[in-house]
Protein backbone atom coordinates (compact mmCIF):
# COMPACT_ATOMS: atom_id res chain seq x y z
CA MET A 1 -7.13 -40.06 -32.18
CA VAL A 2 -3.72 -38.74 -30.31
CA ILE A 3 -1.90 -42.22 -29.71
CA LEU A 4 1.58 -40.27 -28.36
CA GLU A 5 1.71 -36.85 -26.69
CA ALA A 6 4.46 -34.91 -25.07
CA LYS A 7 3.25 -31.75 -22.88
CA ASP A 8 5.98 -29.29 -21.58
CA LEU A 9 8.87 -32.31 -21.55
CA CYS A 10 11.92 -31.29 -20.34
CA ARG A 11 15.23 -33.29 -19.85
CA TYR A 12 18.05 -31.40 -18.34
CA PHE A 13 21.68 -32.45 -17.23
CA GLY A 14 22.68 -29.83 -15.01
CA GLY A 15 22.63 -26.90 -16.80
CA LEU A 16 22.37 -28.29 -20.43
CA LYS A 17 18.33 -27.88 -21.30
CA ALA A 18 18.58 -30.94 -23.74
CA VAL A 19 14.74 -31.38 -24.41
CA ASP A 20 13.14 -27.88 -23.29
CA HIS A 21 9.15 -27.56 -22.98
CA VAL A 22 8.17 -29.89 -25.64
CA ASN A 23 4.80 -30.25 -26.72
CA MET A 24 3.83 -32.29 -29.80
CA GLN A 25 0.90 -34.92 -30.56
CA VAL A 26 1.25 -37.63 -33.01
CA GLN A 27 -2.13 -38.69 -34.76
CA LYS A 28 -3.38 -42.47 -35.09
CA GLY A 29 -2.00 -43.11 -38.64
CA GLU A 30 0.02 -40.15 -38.84
CA ILE A 31 3.72 -40.14 -40.06
CA PHE A 32 5.81 -38.25 -37.85
CA GLY A 33 9.52 -36.96 -38.45
CA ILE A 34 11.66 -34.98 -35.90
CA ILE A 35 14.43 -33.07 -37.71
CA GLY A 36 17.42 -31.03 -36.03
CA PRO A 37 20.83 -30.94 -36.16
CA ASN A 38 23.38 -32.65 -34.03
CA GLY A 39 22.61 -31.53 -30.34
CA ALA A 40 19.47 -30.46 -30.95
CA GLY A 41 18.15 -32.81 -28.66
CA LYS A 42 16.05 -35.57 -30.92
CA THR A 43 17.96 -38.30 -29.16
CA THR A 44 17.18 -37.22 -26.02
CA PHE A 45 13.75 -36.73 -26.34
CA PHE A 46 13.15 -40.54 -27.89
CA ASN A 47 15.06 -41.66 -24.56
CA VAL A 48 12.49 -39.90 -22.55
CA CYS A 49 9.35 -41.28 -24.58
CA SER A 50 10.97 -44.65 -24.33
CA GLY A 51 11.56 -44.71 -20.67
CA THR A 52 15.60 -44.48 -21.20
CA TYR A 53 16.17 -41.49 -19.63
CA THR A 54 13.70 -39.85 -16.95
CA ALA A 55 12.00 -36.55 -17.49
CA THR A 56 13.19 -33.58 -15.52
CA SER A 57 9.50 -32.52 -15.96
CA GLY A 58 6.37 -32.75 -18.25
CA ASP A 59 4.68 -35.82 -19.32
CA VAL A 60 4.72 -38.44 -22.26
CA LEU A 61 1.09 -39.93 -22.90
CA PHE A 62 0.50 -42.99 -25.04
CA ASN A 63 -3.04 -43.73 -25.93
CA GLY A 64 -4.18 -41.07 -23.28
CA LYS A 65 -2.30 -42.88 -20.33
CA CYS A 66 0.73 -41.28 -18.44
CA ILE A 67 3.84 -43.06 -19.25
CA THR A 68 6.30 -40.76 -17.86
CA ASN A 69 9.25 -42.20 -15.93
CA LYS A 70 8.45 -45.94 -16.64
CA LYS A 71 11.23 -48.23 -17.19
CA PRO A 72 12.16 -49.03 -20.76
CA GLU A 73 10.54 -52.58 -20.46
CA GLU A 74 7.22 -51.33 -19.32
CA VAL A 75 7.50 -48.75 -22.19
CA ALA A 76 8.15 -51.65 -24.50
CA ARG A 77 4.86 -53.86 -23.23
CA ILE A 78 2.65 -51.31 -23.89
CA GLY A 79 3.70 -50.57 -27.38
CA ILE A 80 6.71 -48.16 -27.32
CA ALA A 81 10.06 -49.14 -28.70
CA ARG A 82 13.16 -47.43 -29.91
CA THR A 83 16.10 -48.51 -32.25
CA PHE A 84 19.78 -46.90 -32.59
CA GLN A 85 21.23 -45.18 -34.86
CA ASN A 86 22.70 -48.35 -36.87
CA LEU A 87 22.27 -48.98 -40.69
CA LYS A 88 21.68 -52.42 -40.15
CA LEU A 89 20.57 -54.06 -37.05
CA PHE A 90 21.64 -57.73 -38.12
CA SER A 91 22.90 -57.32 -41.45
CA TYR A 92 22.09 -61.01 -42.67
CA MET A 93 18.24 -60.33 -42.10
CA THR A 94 15.47 -58.22 -43.79
CA VAL A 95 14.09 -55.17 -42.71
CA ALA A 96 10.64 -57.05 -41.59
CA GLU A 97 12.85 -59.37 -39.80
CA ASN A 98 15.07 -56.74 -38.23
CA ILE A 99 11.26 -55.22 -36.98
CA ALA A 100 10.22 -58.64 -35.94
CA VAL A 101 13.20 -58.79 -33.52
CA GLY A 102 12.04 -55.87 -31.48
CA PHE A 103 8.38 -57.37 -31.57
CA HIS A 104 9.32 -60.33 -29.33
CA ILE A 105 7.88 -59.30 -26.25
CA HIS A 106 4.73 -59.30 -27.63
CA SER A 107 4.98 -63.01 -28.92
CA LYS A 108 3.25 -66.00 -26.91
CA GLU A 109 5.37 -68.67 -28.32
CA THR A 110 8.16 -70.69 -26.61
CA ILE A 111 11.16 -71.70 -27.83
CA PHE A 112 9.93 -75.27 -28.10
CA ASP A 113 7.15 -73.64 -30.43
CA ALA A 114 9.82 -71.97 -32.51
CA ILE A 115 12.31 -75.20 -32.53
CA PHE A 116 9.62 -77.52 -33.37
CA HIS A 117 7.38 -75.43 -35.67
CA THR A 118 4.20 -75.92 -33.63
CA LYS A 119 0.89 -74.70 -34.50
CA ARG A 120 1.01 -71.64 -32.01
CA TYR A 121 4.61 -70.85 -34.06
CA GLY A 122 2.46 -71.21 -37.32
CA ASN A 123 -0.01 -68.84 -36.25
CA SER A 124 2.38 -65.98 -34.95
CA VAL A 125 2.67 -62.52 -35.97
CA LEU A 126 6.89 -63.15 -35.88
CA PHE A 127 6.13 -66.23 -38.01
CA HIS A 128 4.55 -64.21 -41.00
CA CYS A 129 7.13 -61.57 -40.91
CA LEU A 130 9.71 -64.01 -41.10
CA SER A 131 8.25 -65.85 -44.09
């Protein structure tokens, strides 16, 4: 099952073709990497997929639904987020805790739940990541 797909994806900055007709598919359960030298367009590609940049042309599909040119917050709500090239986002937190920070958009808990450790907070995915 394809979970993420790019079809003829392009992002141009004036005459510079940062991403030029990229086609790729990521299957469910697959570990997928993109490598290349500095300036090859890797970050621009991720920015288009996550909604940070608009595509010049082509499409990005997530679980078969077109997400091309959606706002970053819309893309995050459906399950795609990106991080930046920092070695540690929060140096005092574990890897799991740093990842959990990005998961907050899917959390149902309120600040009240977190402060008073309510049952809803105790049942949350975030609680289990941070425990």
